[in-house]
C-alpha atoms as a PDB file:
ATOM      1  CA  MET A   1      52.382  81.773  74.368  1.00  0.00           C
ATOM      2  CA  ASN A   2      53.428  77.848  73.434  1.00  0.00           C
ATOM      3  CA  ARG A   3      57.112  77.692  74.108  1.00  0.00           C
ATOM      4  CA  LEU A   4      56.625  74.605  76.221  1.00  0.00           C
ATOM      5  CA  ALA A   5      53.829  73.215  74.288  1.00  0.00           C
ATOM      6  CA  GLY A   6      53.512  69.339  75.657  1.00  0.00           C
ATOM      7  CA  LYS A   7      56.425  69.396  78.030  1.00  0.00           C
ATOM      8  CA  ALA A   8      55.754  67.946  81.622  1.00  0.00           C
ATOM      9  CA  ALA A   9      57.367  69.829  84.184  1.00  0.00           C
ATOM     10  CA  ILE A  10      57.969  69.210  87.796  1.00  0.00           C
ATOM     11  CA  ILE A  11      58.401  72.632  89.862  1.00  0.00           C
ATOM     12  CA  ALA A  12      59.437  71.730  93.163  1.00  0.00           C
ATOM     13  CA  GLY A  13      58.529  74.111  95.856  1.00  0.00           C
ATOM     14  CA  GLY A  14      56.250  75.575  93.396  1.00  0.00           C
ATOM     15  CA  SER A  15      53.101  76.502  95.338  1.00  0.00           C
ATOM     16  CA  LYS A  16      54.264  79.900  96.666  1.00  0.00           C
ATOM     17  CA  GLY A  17      56.625  82.726  95.794  1.00  0.00           C
ATOM     18  CA  ILE A  18      58.963  82.342  92.971  1.00  0.00           C
ATOM     19  CA  GLY A  19      57.994  78.703  92.609  1.00  0.00           C
ATOM     20  CA  CYS A  20      54.415  79.734  91.989  1.00  0.00           C
ATOM     21  CA  ALA A  21      55.390  82.182  89.432  1.00  0.00           C
ATOM     22  CA  VAL A  22      57.229  79.608  87.469  1.00  0.00           C
ATOM     23  CA  SER A  23      54.527  77.214  87.819  1.00  0.00           C
ATOM     24  CA  THR A  24      51.921  79.471  86.462  1.00  0.00           C
ATOM     25  CA  THR A  25      54.316  80.913  83.749  1.00  0.00           C
ATOM     26  CA  PHE A  26      55.459  77.285  82.476  1.00  0.00           C
ATOM     27  CA  ALA A  27      51.494  76.230  82.407  1.00  0.00           C
ATOM     28  CA  ARG A  28      50.876  79.404  80.285  1.00  0.00           C
ATOM     29  CA  GLU A  29      53.306  78.539  77.988  1.00  0.00           C
ATOM     30  CA  GLY A  30      51.600  75.176  77.345  1.00  0.00           C
ATOM     31  CA  ALA A  31      53.603  72.972  79.774  1.00  0.00           C
ATOM     32  CA  PHE A  32      52.006  70.287  81.900  1.00  0.00           C
ATOM     33  CA  ALA A  33      52.811  71.384  85.476  1.00  0.00           C
ATOM     34  CA  ALA A  34      53.226  69.089  88.524  1.00  0.00           C
ATOM     35  CA  VAL A  35      53.191  71.836  91.271  1.00  0.00           C
ATOM     36  CA  VAL A  36      55.242  70.561  94.151  1.00  0.00           C
ATOM     37  CA  GLY A  37      55.040  71.824  97.868  1.00  0.00           C
ATOM     38  CA  SER A  38      54.938  70.705 101.258  1.00  0.00           C
ATOM     39  CA  ASN A  39      51.732  72.287 101.999  1.00  0.00           C
ATOM     40  CA  ALA A  40      48.767  70.617 100.261  1.00  0.00           C
ATOM     41  CA  ALA A  41      46.522  73.137 100.196  1.00  0.00           C
ATOM     42  CA  ALA A  42      49.000  75.570  98.788  1.00  0.00           C
ATOM     43  CA  ALA A  43      50.018  73.502  95.996  1.00  0.00           C
ATOM     44  CA  GLU A  44      46.233  72.583  95.252  1.00  0.00           C
ATOM     45  CA  LYS A  45      45.332  76.441  95.256  1.00  0.00           C
ATOM     46  CA  THR A  46      48.284  77.113  92.496  1.00  0.00           C
ATOM     47  CA  ALA A  47      47.244  74.080  90.374  1.00  0.00           C
ATOM     48  CA  GLN A  48      43.653  75.097  90.562  1.00  0.00           C
ATOM     49  CA  GLU A  49      44.392  78.742  89.519  1.00  0.00           C
ATOM     50  CA  ILE A  50      46.425  77.273  86.545  1.00  0.00           C
ATOM     51  CA  ARG A  51      43.589  74.839  85.766  1.00  0.00           C
ATOM     52  CA  ASP A  52      41.031  78.169  85.935  1.00  0.00           C
ATOM     53  CA  LEU A  53      43.333  79.720  83.169  1.00  0.00           C
ATOM     54  CA  GLY A  54      42.741  76.679  81.002  1.00  0.00           C
ATOM     55  CA  GLY A  55      46.235  75.134  81.863  1.00  0.00           C
ATOM     56  CA  THR A  56      47.097  71.620  82.655  1.00  0.00           C
ATOM     57  CA  ALA A  57      48.386  71.206  86.210  1.00  0.00           C
ATOM     58  CA  ILE A  58      48.488  68.676  89.301  1.00  0.00           C
ATOM     59  CA  ALA A  59      49.314  69.380  92.924  1.00  0.00           C
ATOM     60  CA  VAL A  60      51.890  67.125  94.455  1.00  0.00           C
ATOM     61  CA  ALA A  61      52.257  67.691  98.108  1.00  0.00           C
ATOM     62  CA  ALA A  62      55.345  65.769  99.368  1.00  0.00           C
ATOM     63  CA  ASP A  63      58.551  66.037 101.798  1.00  0.00           C
ATOM     64  CA  LEU A  64      61.362  66.485  99.744  1.00  0.00           C
ATOM     65  CA  THR A  65      63.444  65.793 102.533  1.00  0.00           C
ATOM     66  CA  SER A  66      62.643  62.071 102.429  1.00  0.00           C
ATOM     67  CA  GLU A  67      63.430  59.517  99.925  1.00  0.00           C
ATOM     68  CA  ASP A  68      59.658  58.353  99.765  1.00  0.00           C
ATOM     69  CA  GLY A  69      58.638  61.905  99.276  1.00  0.00           C
ATOM     70  CA  ARG A  70      61.132  62.465  96.170  1.00  0.00           C
ATOM     71  CA  ALA A  71      59.869  59.447  94.814  1.00  0.00           C
ATOM     72  CA  SER A  72      56.084  59.966  95.172  1.00  0.00           C
ATOM     73  CA  VAL A  73      56.806  63.423  92.778  1.00  0.00           C
ATOM     74  CA  PHE A  74      58.048  61.433  90.212  1.00  0.00           C
ATOM     75  CA  GLU A  75      55.411  58.741  90.269  1.00  0.00           C
ATOM     76  CA  ARG A  76      52.610  61.208  90.595  1.00  0.00           C
ATOM     77  CA  THR A  77      54.138  63.141  87.547  1.00  0.00           C
ATOM     78  CA  LEU A  78      54.571  60.054  85.410  1.00  0.00           C
ATOM     79  CA  ALA A  79      51.134  58.796  86.295  1.00  0.00           C
ATOM     80  CA  ALA A  80      49.568  62.056  85.093  1.00  0.00           C
ATOM     81  CA  PHE A  81      51.791  63.140  82.042  1.00  0.00           C
ATOM     82  CA  GLY A  82      53.973  60.213  81.228  1.00  0.00           C
ATOM     83  CA  LYS A  83      57.029  61.806  81.073  1.00  0.00           C
ATOM     84  CA  VAL A  84      59.319  64.364  82.739  1.00  0.00           C
ATOM     85  CA  ASP A  85      60.909  66.997  80.224  1.00  0.00           C
ATOM     86  CA  ILE A  86      61.705  69.866  82.687  1.00  0.00           C
ATOM     87  CA  ILE A  87      62.494  69.925  86.616  1.00  0.00           C
ATOM     88  CA  VAL A  88      62.926  73.148  88.353  1.00  0.00           C
ATOM     89  CA  ASN A  89      64.263  72.602  91.612  1.00  0.00           C
ATOM     90  CA  ASN A  90      63.148  75.674  94.156  1.00  0.00           C
ATOM     91  CA  ALA A  91      62.533  74.232  97.235  1.00  0.00           C
ATOM     92  CA  GLY A  92      64.438  75.530 100.029  1.00  0.00           C
ATOM     93  CA  TRP A  93      64.707  77.182 103.379  1.00  0.00           C
ATOM     94  CA  GLY A  94      66.308  80.480 104.376  1.00  0.00           C
ATOM     95  CA  CYS A  95      68.096  80.139 107.640  1.00  0.00           C
ATOM     96  CA  LYS A  96      68.731  83.769 109.070  1.00  0.00           C
ATOM     97  CA  LYS A  97      71.078  83.156 111.720  1.00  0.00           C
ATOM     98  CA  PRO A  98      74.577  84.292 112.737  1.00  0.00           C
ATOM     99  CA  LEU A  99      77.189  81.958 112.461  1.00  0.00           C
ATOM    100  CA  ILE A 100      77.820  81.538 115.942  1.00  0.00           C
ATOM    101  CA  GLU A 101      74.232  80.868 116.761  1.00  0.00           C
ATOM    102  CA  THR A 102      73.293  78.506 113.923  1.00  0.00           C
ATOM    103  CA  ASP A 103      72.411  75.385 115.879  1.00  0.00           C
ATOM    104  CA  MET A 104      72.418  71.902 114.571  1.00  0.00           C
ATOM    105  CA  ALA A 105      68.578  71.588 114.084  1.00  0.00           C
ATOM    106  CA  SER A 106      68.891  74.580 111.551  1.00  0.00           C
ATOM    107  CA  PHE A 107      72.126  73.290 109.755  1.00  0.00           C
ATOM    108  CA  ASP A 108      70.438  69.951 109.370  1.00  0.00           C
ATOM    109  CA  ARG A 109      67.228  71.192 107.966  1.00  0.00           C
ATOM    110  CA  SER A 110      69.254  73.696 105.790  1.00  0.00           C
ATOM    111  CA  ILE A 111      71.373  70.737 104.199  1.00  0.00           C
ATOM    112  CA  ASN A 112      68.486  68.301 103.973  1.00  0.00           C
ATOM    113  CA  LEU A 113      66.007  70.727 101.986  1.00  0.00           C
ATOM    114  CA  ASN A 114      68.365  73.200 100.385  1.00  0.00           C
ATOM    115  CA  LEU A 115      71.216  70.671  99.153  1.00  0.00           C
ATOM    116  CA  LYS A 116      70.257  67.074  99.778  1.00  0.00           C
ATOM    117  CA  ALA A 117      66.488  67.401  98.073  1.00  0.00           C
ATOM    118  CA  THR A 118      68.109  69.189  95.370  1.00  0.00           C
ATOM    119  CA  TYR A 119      70.768  66.584  94.805  1.00  0.00           C
ATOM    120  CA  PHE A 120      68.458  63.593  94.883  1.00  0.00           C
ATOM    121  CA  MET A 121      65.846  65.475  92.810  1.00  0.00           C
ATOM    122  CA  THR A 122      68.228  66.057  90.000  1.00  0.00           C
ATOM    123  CA  GLN A 123      69.248  62.568  90.480  1.00  0.00           C
ATOM    124  CA  LEU A 124      65.707  61.145  89.643  1.00  0.00           C
ATOM    125  CA  ALA A 125      65.035  63.573  86.878  1.00  0.00           C
ATOM    126  CA  ALA A 126      68.278  62.477  85.128  1.00  0.00           C
ATOM    127  CA  LYS A 127      67.625  58.988  85.463  1.00  0.00           C
ATOM    128  CA  GLN A 128      63.846  59.517  84.175  1.00  0.00           C
ATOM    129  CA  MET A 129      65.350  61.714  81.347  1.00  0.00           C
ATOM    130  CA  ILE A 130      67.980  59.291  80.126  1.00  0.00           C
ATOM    131  CA  ARG A 131      65.254  56.634  80.059  1.00  0.00           C
ATOM    132  CA  GLN A 132      62.996  58.727  77.957  1.00  0.00           C
ATOM    133  CA  GLY A 133      66.040  59.300  75.392  1.00  0.00           C
ATOM    134  CA  THR A 134      64.851  62.638  74.405  1.00  0.00           C
ATOM    135  CA  GLY A 135      66.848  64.949  76.427  1.00  0.00           C
ATOM    136  CA  GLY A 136      65.550  67.259  79.310  1.00  0.00           C
ATOM    137  CA  ARG A 137      66.261  70.713  81.117  1.00  0.00           C
ATOM    138  CA  ILE A 138      67.228  70.891  85.000  1.00  0.00           C
ATOM    139  CA  ILE A 139      67.073  74.177  86.407  1.00  0.00           C
ATOM    140  CA  ASN A 140      68.323  74.360  89.984  1.00  0.00           C
ATOM    141  CA  ILE A 141      67.432  77.637  92.101  1.00  0.00           C
ATOM    142  CA  SER A 142      70.601  78.929  93.965  1.00  0.00           C
ATOM    143  CA  SER A 143      71.094  82.481  95.153  1.00  0.00           C
ATOM    144  CA  THR A 144      73.407  85.329  94.700  1.00  0.00           C
ATOM    145  CA  GLY A 145      74.225  84.943  98.464  1.00  0.00           C
ATOM    146  CA  ALA A 146      76.292  82.085  97.096  1.00  0.00           C
ATOM    147  CA  LEU A 147      78.506  84.108  95.287  1.00  0.00           C
ATOM    148  CA  GLN A 148      79.313  86.602  97.647  1.00  0.00           C
ATOM    149  CA  GLY A 149      78.085  85.885 101.101  1.00  0.00           C
ATOM    150  CA  GLU A 150      75.407  87.502 103.095  1.00  0.00           C
ATOM    151  CA  ARG A 151      75.634  88.693 106.883  1.00  0.00           C
ATOM    152  CA  ASN A 152      73.609  86.182 109.195  1.00  0.00           C
ATOM    153  CA  SER A 153      73.011  83.524 106.286  1.00  0.00           C
ATOM    154  CA  SER A 154      76.369  81.483 106.320  1.00  0.00           C
ATOM    155  CA  ILE A 155      74.693  78.074 106.014  1.00  0.00           C
ATOM    156  CA  TYR A 156      71.951  79.410 103.594  1.00  0.00           C
ATOM    157  CA  ALA A 157      75.044  80.533 101.253  1.00  0.00           C
ATOM    158  CA  ALA A 158      77.024  77.241 101.905  1.00  0.00           C
ATOM    159  CA  THR A 159      73.869  75.249 100.455  1.00  0.00           C
ATOM    160  CA  LYS A 160      73.206  77.369  97.689  1.00  0.00           C
ATOM    161  CA  ALA A 161      76.862  77.449  96.697  1.00  0.00           C
ATOM    162  CA  GLY A 162      76.731  73.868  96.770  1.00  0.00           C
ATOM    163  CA  ILE A 163      73.918  73.726  94.379  1.00  0.00           C
ATOM    164  CA  ILE A 164      76.102  75.578  91.967  1.00  0.00           C
ATOM    165  CA  ALA A 165      78.790  72.975  92.205  1.00  0.00           C
ATOM    166  CA  LEU A 166      76.450  70.112  91.666  1.00  0.00           C
ATOM    167  CA  SER A 167      74.961  71.589  88.869  1.00  0.00           C
ATOM    168  CA  ARG A 168      78.003  72.378  87.045  1.00  0.00           C
ATOM    169  CA  ALA A 169      79.109  68.767  87.635  1.00  0.00           C
ATOM    170  CA  ALA A 170      75.889  67.442  86.594  1.00  0.00           C
ATOM    171  CA  ALA A 171      75.888  69.514  83.272  1.00  0.00           C
ATOM    172  CA  LEU A 172      79.344  67.449  82.631  1.00  0.00           C
ATOM    173  CA  GLU A 173      78.003  64.129  83.339  1.00  0.00           C
ATOM    174  CA  LEU A 174      74.416  64.653  81.581  1.00  0.00           C
ATOM    175  CA  GLY A 175      75.461  66.608  78.349  1.00  0.00           C
ATOM    176  CA  GLU A 176      76.054  63.705  75.895  1.00  0.00           C
ATOM    177  CA  HIS A 177      72.403  62.771  77.041  1.00  0.00           C
ATOM    178  CA  GLY A 178      70.822  66.091  75.776  1.00  0.00           C
ATOM    179  CA  ILE A 179      69.842  67.234  79.092  1.00  0.00           C
ATOM    180  CA  THR A 180      71.238  70.789  80.206  1.00  0.00           C
ATOM    181  CA  VAL A 181      71.894  71.715  83.852  1.00  0.00           C
ATOM    182  CA  ASN A 182      71.809  75.424  84.919  1.00  0.00           C
ATOM    183  CA  CYS A 183      71.409  77.687  87.885  1.00  0.00           C
ATOM    184  CA  VAL A 184      69.282  80.739  88.134  1.00  0.00           C
ATOM    185  CA  LEU A 185      70.314  82.812  91.166  1.00  0.00           C
ATOM    186  CA  PRO A 186      67.876  85.285  92.417  1.00  0.00           C
ATOM    187  CA  GLY A 187      68.885  88.175  94.437  1.00  0.00           C
ATOM    188  CA  PHE A 188      66.258  89.918  96.962  1.00  0.00           C
ATOM    189  CA  THR A 189      62.970  89.633  95.306  1.00  0.00           C
ATOM    190  CA  ARG A 190      59.776  90.569  96.092  1.00  0.00           C
ATOM    191  CA  THR A 191      57.097  87.792  95.995  1.00  0.00           C
ATOM    192  CA  ASN A 192      53.472  86.966  97.164  1.00  0.00           C
ATOM    193  CA  ASN A 193      55.243  84.914 100.091  1.00  0.00           C
ATOM    194  CA  ASN A 194      57.341  87.841 101.815  1.00  0.00           C
ATOM    195  CA  GLY A 195      54.793  90.473 102.137  1.00  0.00           C
ATOM    196  CA  HIS A 196      56.056  90.708 105.814  1.00  0.00           C
ATOM    197  CA  VAL A 197      59.253  92.035 104.822  1.00  0.00           C
ATOM    198  CA  PRO A 198      59.388  95.943 105.105  1.00  0.00           C
ATOM    199  CA  ARG A 199      58.741  97.940 102.060  1.00  0.00           C
ATOM    200  CA  ILE A 200      61.965 100.102 102.935  1.00  0.00           C
ATOM    201  CA  ILE A 201      64.047  97.278 101.918  1.00  0.00           C
ATOM    202  CA  ASP A 202      62.557  97.904  98.591  1.00  0.00           C
ATOM    203  CA  GLU A 203      63.965 101.341  98.626  1.00  0.00           C
ATOM    204  CA  ASN A 204      67.346 100.543  99.867  1.00  0.00           C
ATOM    205  CA  PHE A 205      67.689  98.012  96.834  1.00  0.00           C
ATOM    206  CA  ILE A 206      66.345 100.520  94.312  1.00  0.00           C
ATOM    207  CA  GLY A 207      69.341 102.830  95.431  1.00  0.00           C
ATOM    208  CA  ILE A 208      71.936 100.381  94.807  1.00  0.00           C
ATOM    209  CA  THR A 209      70.594  98.309  91.718  1.00  0.00           C
ATOM    210  CA  PRO A 210      71.761  99.387  88.325  1.00  0.00           C
ATOM    211  CA  THR A 211      68.050  98.899  86.756  1.00  0.00           C
ATOM    212  CA  ARG A 212      66.623 101.122  89.748  1.00  0.00           C
ATOM    213  CA  ARG A 213      63.894  98.634  90.400  1.00  0.00           C
ATOM    214  CA  VAL A 214      63.518  95.380  93.024  1.00  0.00           C
ATOM    215  CA  THR A 215      63.388  92.134  91.182  1.00  0.00           C
ATOM    216  CA  VAL A 216      60.013  90.378  91.367  1.00  0.00           C
ATOM    217  CA  ALA A 217      59.056  86.840  91.167  1.00  0.00           C
ATOM    218  CA  GLN A 218      58.149  86.942  87.309  1.00  0.00           C
ATOM    219  CA  ASP A 219      61.610  87.874  86.695  1.00  0.00           C
ATOM    220  CA  ILE A 220      62.743  84.648  88.015  1.00  0.00           C
ATOM    221  CA  ALA A 221      60.089  82.718  86.272  1.00  0.00           C
ATOM    222  CA  ASN A 222      61.186  84.487  82.833  1.00  0.00           C
ATOM    223  CA  ALA A 223      64.949  83.193  83.303  1.00  0.00           C
ATOM    224  CA  CYS A 224      63.628  79.892  84.023  1.00  0.00           C
ATOM    225  CA  LEU A 225      61.465  79.905  81.153  1.00  0.00           C
ATOM    226  CA  PHE A 226      64.422  80.662  78.702  1.00  0.00           C
ATOM    227  CA  LEU A 227      66.598  78.016  80.257  1.00  0.00           C
ATOM    228  CA  ALA A 228      63.597  75.643  79.948  1.00  0.00           C
ATOM    229  CA  GLY A 229      62.782  76.285  76.073  1.00  0.00           C
ATOM    230  CA  GLY A 230      64.236  75.355  72.720  1.00  0.00           C
ATOM    231  CA  GLU A 231      66.399  78.654  72.429  1.00  0.00           C
ATOM    232  CA  ALA A 232      68.673  77.482  75.409  1.00  0.00           C
ATOM    233  CA  GLY A 233      69.544  74.178  73.977  1.00  0.00           C
ATOM    234  CA  GLN A 234      73.291  74.740  74.015  1.00  0.00           C
ATOM    235  CA  ILE A 235      73.185  76.498  77.335  1.00  0.00           C
ATOM    236  CA  SER A 236      74.520  74.395  80.187  1.00  0.00           C
ATOM    237  CA  ALA A 237      76.556  74.673  83.527  1.00  0.00           C
ATOM    238  CA  GLN A 238      75.831  78.222  83.736  1.00  0.00           C
ATOM    239  CA  ILE A 239      74.882  80.387  86.555  1.00  0.00           C
ATOM    240  CA  LEU A 240      72.659  83.220  85.783  1.00  0.00           C
ATOM    241  CA  PRO A 241      72.070  85.825  88.485  1.00  0.00           C
ATOM    242  CA  VAL A 242      68.697  87.822  88.272  1.00  0.00           C
ATOM    243  CA  ASP A 243      69.117  90.806  90.472  1.00  0.00           C
ATOM    244  CA  GLY A 244      68.964  94.079  88.179  1.00  0.00           C
ATOM    245  CA  GLY A 245      72.816  93.823  88.093  1.00  0.00           C
ATOM    246  CA  TYR A 246      73.231  94.033  91.975  1.00  0.00           C
ATOM    247  CA  SER A 247      75.496  91.444  92.412  1.00  0.00           C
ATOM    248  CA  GLY A 248      77.562  92.283  89.364  1.00  0.00           C
ATOM    249  CA  THR A 249      78.281  95.647  90.469  1.00  0.00           C
ATOM    250  CA  ARG A 250      78.451  95.247  94.184  1.00  0.00           C
ATOM    251  CA  ALA A 251      82.118  95.301  94.686  1.00  0.00           C
ATOM    252  CA  MET A 252      82.656  98.147  92.044  1.00  0.00           C
ATOM    253  CA  GLN A 253      80.141 100.029  94.417  1.00  0.00           C
ATOM    254  CA  ALA A 254      82.013  99.354  97.560  1.00  0.00           C
ATOM    255  CA  SER A 255      84.997 100.267  95.884  1.00  0.00           C
ATOM    256  CA  MET A 256      83.815 103.876  94.743  1.00  0.00           C
ATOM    257  CA  THR A 257      82.299 104.648  98.033  1.00  0.00           C
ATOM    258  CA  SER A 258      85.493 103.580 100.015  1.00  0.00           C
ATOM    259  CA  ALA A 259      87.562 105.674  97.209  1.00  0.00           C
ATOM    260  CA  MET A 260      84.951 108.771  97.932  1.00  0.00           C
ATOM    261  CA  GLU A 261      85.244 108.278 101.658  1.00  0.00           C
ATOM    262  CA  ARG A 262      89.158 108.658 101.685  1.00  0.00           C
ATOM    263  CA  SER A 263      88.973 111.783  99.358  1.00  0.00           C
END
């Protein structure tokens, strides 16, 4: 219950869904959590839930697409905790539009939040960790859609693929400072933020997922917890899909289906 005792963690996009699960999991394991979100009330709600359970957390409302907003996250975190040991870059927006219908506004919003914000939050974290001289953990949330593409998600997949490339390049540069950089790739994940998605989707995924269950936010949080902890000190520049094996067997399933249809 104290795998992250005394560590200061920034969870960008930490107030809802996957980010909320990461924030509460890290705090439960002893981390001081800076819960970052664009919605002040949602960030404070998650931070208060952590405090109610005996944890330590602050809420930081910030627009991560702006330089001032990103800087404020580190200013607030350092003022509260004095250091930054871990960052999880989870903030993002899923644009669900066909390629031929994706407009410039949707393109720019996706790039600015999913990729640009992650890039410069990673940069700010790296600078702070290097100054501290005690290493650190950078965990960027990508998506299995970056590996295989998804219909009506071309710009989303492109930004998430960019996060993978960024993370691997950053790992090369930061390893000598004791900083690891890794990517966690959720597939379809049931969270407290997507209750509007029809439950029939769950049934469809169960049928094609090797583990025969739907991924939930806690599964992603558990992966982040491992990568943030001391056991993962020799793991860097890696991508970790968390989807019950779906992405790893998708091509195989398609091949088998095609073969059966031809027979």
